[in-house]
Amino acid sequence: MKAQFGSADLASAGLTDHEAQAVLAADTGEQQIRLLRAGRGRLLEDIHRQQRALDTLDYFIYQIKKSS
């Protein structure tokens, strides 16, 4: 069964316009699931990238405090 959502719903969930349009154009629920999982994977990788950046900034702060 193909689920129904709007592009605004998909955008608020973090999908790009391209990803949202692909989900909306999918013919089956299975295709929608595959596309949603791909978008989820991209979002998770973004989170990990941002976490690494935060860890680096925290290390810089630690180094400055340590040398003061």
C-alpha atoms as a PDB file:
ATOM      1  CA  MET A   1       0.000   0.000   0.000  1.00  0.00           C
ATOM      2  CA  LYS A   2       1.355   3.405  -0.987  1.00  0.00           C
ATOM      3  CA  ALA A   3       1.305   5.937   1.854  1.00  0.00           C
ATOM      4  CA  GLN A   4       0.219   9.491   1.233  1.00  0.00           C
ATOM      5  CA  PHE A   5       2.061  12.553   2.458  1.00  0.00           C
ATOM      6  CA  GLY A   6       2.688  15.980   1.070  1.00  0.00           C
ATOM      7  CA  SER A   7       5.954  17.537   0.033  1.00  0.00           C
ATOM      8  CA  ALA A   8       5.772  19.827   3.092  1.00  0.00           C
ATOM      9  CA  ASP A   9       5.611  16.749   5.350  1.00  0.00           C
ATOM     10  CA  LEU A  10       8.639  15.235   3.666  1.00  0.00           C
ATOM     11  CA  ALA A  11      10.556  18.528   3.780  1.00  0.00           C
ATOM     12  CA  SER A  12       9.858  18.915   7.498  1.00  0.00           C
ATOM     13  CA  ALA A  13      11.201  15.382   7.932  1.00  0.00           C
ATOM     14  CA  GLY A  14      14.469  16.577   6.378  1.00  0.00           C
ATOM     15  CA  LEU A  15      14.236  15.288   2.828  1.00  0.00           C
ATOM     16  CA  THR A  16      15.569  17.413  -0.003  1.00  0.00           C
ATOM     17  CA  ASP A  17      13.182  18.615  -2.700  1.00  0.00           C
ATOM     18  CA  HIS A  18      14.614  15.990  -5.041  1.00  0.00           C
ATOM     19  CA  GLU A  19      14.154  13.202  -2.486  1.00  0.00           C
ATOM     20  CA  ALA A  20      10.612  14.326  -1.666  1.00  0.00           C
ATOM     21  CA  GLN A  21       9.615  14.433  -5.325  1.00  0.00           C
ATOM     22  CA  ALA A  22      11.012  10.936  -5.843  1.00  0.00           C
ATOM     23  CA  VAL A  23       8.994   9.608  -2.891  1.00  0.00           C
ATOM     24  CA  LEU A  24       5.841  11.282  -4.154  1.00  0.00           C
ATOM     25  CA  ALA A  25       6.391   9.900  -7.665  1.00  0.00           C
ATOM     26  CA  ALA A  26       7.057   6.338  -6.482  1.00  0.00           C
ATOM     27  CA  ASP A  27       4.607   3.777  -7.806  1.00  0.00           C
ATOM     28  CA  THR A  28       4.530   1.469  -4.789  1.00  0.00           C
ATOM     29  CA  GLY A  29       4.855   1.567  -1.031  1.00  0.00           C
ATOM     30  CA  GLU A  30       7.981  -0.570  -1.326  1.00  0.00           C
ATOM     31  CA  GLN A  31       9.600   2.083  -3.535  1.00  0.00           C
ATOM     32  CA  GLN A  32       8.576   4.777  -1.077  1.00  0.00           C
ATOM     33  CA  ILE A  33      10.132   2.819   1.786  1.00  0.00           C
ATOM     34  CA  ARG A  34      13.387   2.363  -0.153  1.00  0.00           C
ATOM     35  CA  LEU A  35      13.557   6.093  -0.915  1.00  0.00           C
ATOM     36  CA  LEU A  36      12.655   7.098   2.646  1.00  0.00           C
ATOM     37  CA  ARG A  37      15.345   4.786   4.022  1.00  0.00           C
ATOM     38  CA  ALA A  38      17.879   6.339   1.655  1.00  0.00           C
ATOM     39  CA  GLY A  39      16.911   9.812   2.884  1.00  0.00           C
ATOM     40  CA  ARG A  40      17.169   8.589   6.459  1.00  0.00           C
ATOM     41  CA  GLY A  41      20.655   7.288   5.786  1.00  0.00           C
ATOM     42  CA  ARG A  42      21.723  10.630   4.352  1.00  0.00           C
ATOM     43  CA  LEU A  43      20.308  12.467   7.370  1.00  0.00           C
ATOM     44  CA  LEU A  44      22.094  10.112   9.745  1.00  0.00           C
ATOM     45  CA  GLU A  45      25.393  10.689   7.952  1.00  0.00           C
ATOM     46  CA  ASP A  46      24.799  14.455   8.236  1.00  0.00           C
ATOM     47  CA  ILE A  47      24.270  14.044  11.981  1.00  0.00           C
ATOM     48  CA  HIS A  48      27.502  12.082  12.298  1.00  0.00           C
ATOM     49  CA  ARG A  49      29.389  14.727  10.294  1.00  0.00           C
ATOM     50  CA  GLN A  50      28.034  17.472  12.541  1.00  0.00           C
ATOM     51  CA  GLN A  51      28.906  15.459  15.655  1.00  0.00           C
ATOM     52  CA  ARG A  52      32.510  15.161  14.454  1.00  0.00           C
ATOM     53  CA  ALA A  53      32.611  18.937  13.932  1.00  0.00           C
ATOM     54  CA  LEU A  54      31.268  19.515  17.451  1.00  0.00           C
ATOM     55  CA  ASP A  55      33.832  17.109  18.872  1.00  0.00           C
ATOM     56  CA  THR A  56      36.597  19.042  17.123  1.00  0.00           C
ATOM     57  CA  LEU A  57      35.346  22.367  18.479  1.00  0.00           C
ATOM     58  CA  ASP A  58      35.123  20.872  21.964  1.00  0.00           C
ATOM     59  CA  TYR A  59      38.721  19.709  21.631  1.00  0.00           C
ATOM     60  CA  PHE A  60      39.829  23.225  20.621  1.00  0.00           C
ATOM     61  CA  ILE A  61      38.054  24.655  23.667  1.00  0.00           C
ATOM     62  CA  TYR A  62      39.692  22.040  25.876  1.00  0.00           C
ATOM     63  CA  GLN A  63      43.133  22.864  24.466  1.00  0.00           C
ATOM     64  CA  ILE A  64      42.669  26.608  25.074  1.00  0.00           C
ATOM     65  CA  LYS A  65      41.463  26.047  28.643  1.00  0.00           C
ATOM     66  CA  LYS A  66      44.325  23.632  29.299  1.00  0.00           C
ATOM     67  CA  SER A  67      46.938  26.149  28.141  1.00  0.00           C
ATOM     68  CA  SER A  68      45.449  29.071  30.094  1.00  0.00           C
END
